[in-house]
Amino acid sequence: MTPQVLQVTYTFHGSRADFERDFAPAAYDIARAHGLRWKIWLFDEAQSRGGGTYLFDDETSLRAFADGPVIAALRSHGSFSDITAQVFSVLDGPTEITRGPVPAAVGR
């Protein structure tokens, strides 16, 4: 299994407080995603930009999440625009050297 990263970015039309009040509870649904190891939530209030970096066990789990209801709800909600979703494979060697939170045994 090769770990896969999903990076999602968007423009949010509201404040950070609005986001945390209205959307942070989705963390519980996201945490239950099959194959998700972790998500880091991102927000730049000055630019009204947000997003997340997700680490999945494998491409199958990542694709199921990316094509599922959480991302669909994000795309259809009026508070978000300029949504991008990019998929990356993890480079094990350099990530291990820089102490990335990916176990060395994964992907080998």
C-alpha atoms as a PDB file:
ATOM      1  CA  MET A   1       0.000   0.000   0.000  1.00  0.00           C
ATOM      2  CA  THR A   2       1.245   3.432  -0.893  1.00  0.00           C
ATOM      3  CA  PRO A   3      -0.161   6.256   1.220  1.00  0.00           C
ATOM      4  CA  GLN A   4      -1.965   8.940  -0.737  1.00  0.00           C
ATOM      5  CA  VAL A   5      -2.497  12.610   0.080  1.00  0.00           C
ATOM      6  CA  LEU A   6      -5.573  14.604  -0.865  1.00  0.00           C
ATOM      7  CA  GLN A   7      -5.108  18.358  -0.721  1.00  0.00           C
ATOM      8  CA  VAL A   8      -8.303  20.412  -0.873  1.00  0.00           C
ATOM      9  CA  THR A   9      -8.370  24.219  -1.014  1.00  0.00           C
ATOM     10  CA  TYR A  10     -11.233  26.672  -1.327  1.00  0.00           C
ATOM     11  CA  THR A  11     -12.352  30.238  -0.821  1.00  0.00           C
ATOM     12  CA  PHE A  12     -14.703  30.567   2.138  1.00  0.00           C
ATOM     13  CA  HIS A  13     -17.259  33.365   2.152  1.00  0.00           C
ATOM     14  CA  GLY A  14     -17.380  34.144   5.876  1.00  0.00           C
ATOM     15  CA  SER A  15     -15.165  34.499   8.922  1.00  0.00           C
ATOM     16  CA  ARG A  16     -13.043  31.877  10.630  1.00  0.00           C
ATOM     17  CA  ALA A  17     -15.513  31.945  13.533  1.00  0.00           C
ATOM     18  CA  ASP A  18     -18.358  31.242  11.085  1.00  0.00           C
ATOM     19  CA  PHE A  19     -16.414  28.355   9.615  1.00  0.00           C
ATOM     20  CA  GLU A  20     -15.558  26.814  12.971  1.00  0.00           C
ATOM     21  CA  ARG A  21     -19.116  27.166  14.239  1.00  0.00           C
ATOM     22  CA  ASP A  22     -20.828  25.816  11.116  1.00  0.00           C
ATOM     23  CA  PHE A  23     -18.365  23.348   9.596  1.00  0.00           C
ATOM     24  CA  ALA A  24     -15.845  22.105  12.173  1.00  0.00           C
ATOM     25  CA  PRO A  25     -18.444  19.587  13.457  1.00  0.00           C
ATOM     26  CA  ALA A  26     -17.986  17.800  10.109  1.00  0.00           C
ATOM     27  CA  ALA A  27     -14.674  16.601  11.575  1.00  0.00           C
ATOM     28  CA  TYR A  28     -16.577  13.721  13.195  1.00  0.00           C
ATOM     29  CA  ASP A  29     -17.913  12.523   9.827  1.00  0.00           C
ATOM     30  CA  ILE A  30     -14.537  12.974   8.163  1.00  0.00           C
ATOM     31  CA  ALA A  31     -12.788  11.062  10.965  1.00  0.00           C
ATOM     32  CA  ARG A  32     -14.910   8.015  10.120  1.00  0.00           C
ATOM     33  CA  ALA A  33     -13.775   7.919   6.474  1.00  0.00           C
ATOM     34  CA  HIS A  34     -12.438   4.495   5.566  1.00  0.00           C
ATOM     35  CA  GLY A  35      -8.655   4.512   5.205  1.00  0.00           C
ATOM     36  CA  LEU A  36      -8.168   8.049   6.574  1.00  0.00           C
ATOM     37  CA  ARG A  37      -5.111   8.275   8.829  1.00  0.00           C
ATOM     38  CA  TRP A  38      -5.377  11.997   9.546  1.00  0.00           C
ATOM     39  CA  LYS A  39      -6.482  15.386   8.299  1.00  0.00           C
ATOM     40  CA  ILE A  40      -4.885  18.761   8.956  1.00  0.00           C
ATOM     41  CA  TRP A  41      -7.356  21.658   8.729  1.00  0.00           C
ATOM     42  CA  LEU A  42      -6.079  24.884   7.135  1.00  0.00           C
ATOM     43  CA  PHE A  43      -7.446  28.440   7.242  1.00  0.00           C
ATOM     44  CA  ASP A  44      -6.065  31.823   6.157  1.00  0.00           C
ATOM     45  CA  GLU A  45      -8.559  34.382   7.391  1.00  0.00           C
ATOM     46  CA  ALA A  46      -6.792  37.318   5.694  1.00  0.00           C
ATOM     47  CA  GLN A  47      -7.227  35.663   2.272  1.00  0.00           C
ATOM     48  CA  SER A  48     -10.565  33.938   3.043  1.00  0.00           C
ATOM     49  CA  ARG A  49      -8.894  30.676   2.001  1.00  0.00           C
ATOM     50  CA  GLY A  50      -9.118  27.326   3.681  1.00  0.00           C
ATOM     51  CA  GLY A  51      -8.633  23.680   3.044  1.00  0.00           C
ATOM     52  CA  GLY A  52      -7.236  20.487   4.341  1.00  0.00           C
ATOM     53  CA  THR A  53      -4.510  17.947   3.831  1.00  0.00           C
ATOM     54  CA  TYR A  54      -5.648  14.345   4.233  1.00  0.00           C
ATOM     55  CA  LEU A  55      -3.518  11.203   4.431  1.00  0.00           C
ATOM     56  CA  PHE A  56      -5.176   7.973   3.275  1.00  0.00           C
ATOM     57  CA  ASP A  57      -3.879   4.403   3.436  1.00  0.00           C
ATOM     58  CA  ASP A  58      -4.266   3.944  -0.312  1.00  0.00           C
ATOM     59  CA  GLU A  59      -5.680   5.352  -3.514  1.00  0.00           C
ATOM     60  CA  THR A  60      -8.910   3.341  -3.267  1.00  0.00           C
ATOM     61  CA  SER A  61      -9.775   4.919   0.096  1.00  0.00           C
ATOM     62  CA  LEU A  62      -8.816   8.377  -1.117  1.00  0.00           C
ATOM     63  CA  ARG A  63     -10.924   8.093  -4.286  1.00  0.00           C
ATOM     64  CA  ALA A  64     -13.932   6.828  -2.316  1.00  0.00           C
ATOM     65  CA  PHE A  65     -13.688   9.866  -0.040  1.00  0.00           C
ATOM     66  CA  ALA A  66     -13.064  12.346  -2.869  1.00  0.00           C
ATOM     67  CA  ASP A  67     -16.093  11.021  -4.762  1.00  0.00           C
ATOM     68  CA  GLY A  68     -18.241  10.797  -1.626  1.00  0.00           C
ATOM     69  CA  PRO A  69     -20.733  12.961   0.230  1.00  0.00           C
ATOM     70  CA  VAL A  70     -18.323  15.186   2.199  1.00  0.00           C
ATOM     71  CA  ILE A  71     -16.612  16.659  -0.857  1.00  0.00           C
ATOM     72  CA  ALA A  72     -19.938  16.768  -2.754  1.00  0.00           C
ATOM     73  CA  ALA A  73     -21.465  18.822   0.087  1.00  0.00           C
ATOM     74  CA  LEU A  74     -18.484  21.183   0.022  1.00  0.00           C
ATOM     75  CA  ARG A  75     -18.888  21.691  -3.734  1.00  0.00           C
ATOM     76  CA  SER A  76     -22.617  22.357  -3.487  1.00  0.00           C
ATOM     77  CA  HIS A  77     -22.574  24.690  -0.460  1.00  0.00           C
ATOM     78  CA  GLY A  78     -22.907  28.398  -1.236  1.00  0.00           C
ATOM     79  CA  SER A  79     -20.255  29.441   1.294  1.00  0.00           C
ATOM     80  CA  PHE A  80     -17.424  27.841  -0.731  1.00  0.00           C
ATOM     81  CA  SER A  81     -15.967  28.631  -4.159  1.00  0.00           C
ATOM     82  CA  ASP A  82     -12.727  28.104  -6.098  1.00  0.00           C
ATOM     83  CA  ILE A  83     -12.537  24.520  -4.827  1.00  0.00           C
ATOM     84  CA  THR A  84      -9.552  22.423  -5.874  1.00  0.00           C
ATOM     85  CA  ALA A  85      -8.738  18.827  -4.992  1.00  0.00           C
ATOM     86  CA  GLN A  86      -5.337  17.359  -5.833  1.00  0.00           C
ATOM     87  CA  VAL A  87      -4.006  13.856  -5.263  1.00  0.00           C
ATOM     88  CA  PHE A  88      -0.383  13.069  -4.434  1.00  0.00           C
ATOM     89  CA  SER A  89       1.639   9.962  -3.597  1.00  0.00           C
ATOM     90  CA  VAL A  90       3.924  10.108  -0.580  1.00  0.00           C
ATOM     91  CA  LEU A  91       7.677  10.008  -1.154  1.00  0.00           C
ATOM     92  CA  ASP A  92       8.672   7.688   1.700  1.00  0.00           C
ATOM     93  CA  GLY A  93      12.428   8.354   1.940  1.00  0.00           C
ATOM     94  CA  PRO A  94      12.470  12.162   2.159  1.00  0.00           C
ATOM     95  CA  THR A  95       9.305  12.149   4.290  1.00  0.00           C
ATOM     96  CA  GLU A  96      10.954   9.849   6.824  1.00  0.00           C
ATOM     97  CA  ILE A  97      14.052  12.084   6.977  1.00  0.00           C
ATOM     98  CA  THR A  98      11.952  15.188   7.638  1.00  0.00           C
ATOM     99  CA  ARG A  99       9.854  13.393  10.273  1.00  0.00           C
ATOM    100  CA  GLY A 100       6.620  13.399   8.282  1.00  0.00           C
ATOM    101  CA  PRO A 101       3.818  11.641  10.160  1.00  0.00           C
ATOM    102  CA  VAL A 102       3.876   8.604   7.856  1.00  0.00           C
ATOM    103  CA  PRO A 103       5.143   5.340   9.336  1.00  0.00           C
ATOM    104  CA  ALA A 104       8.198   4.089   7.478  1.00  0.00           C
ATOM    105  CA  ALA A 105       6.641   0.630   7.078  1.00  0.00           C
ATOM    106  CA  VAL A 106       3.709   2.033   5.071  1.00  0.00           C
ATOM    107  CA  GLY A 107       4.226   1.785   1.338  1.00  0.00           C
ATOM    108  CA  ARG A 108       7.129  -0.631   1.527  1.00  0.00           C
END
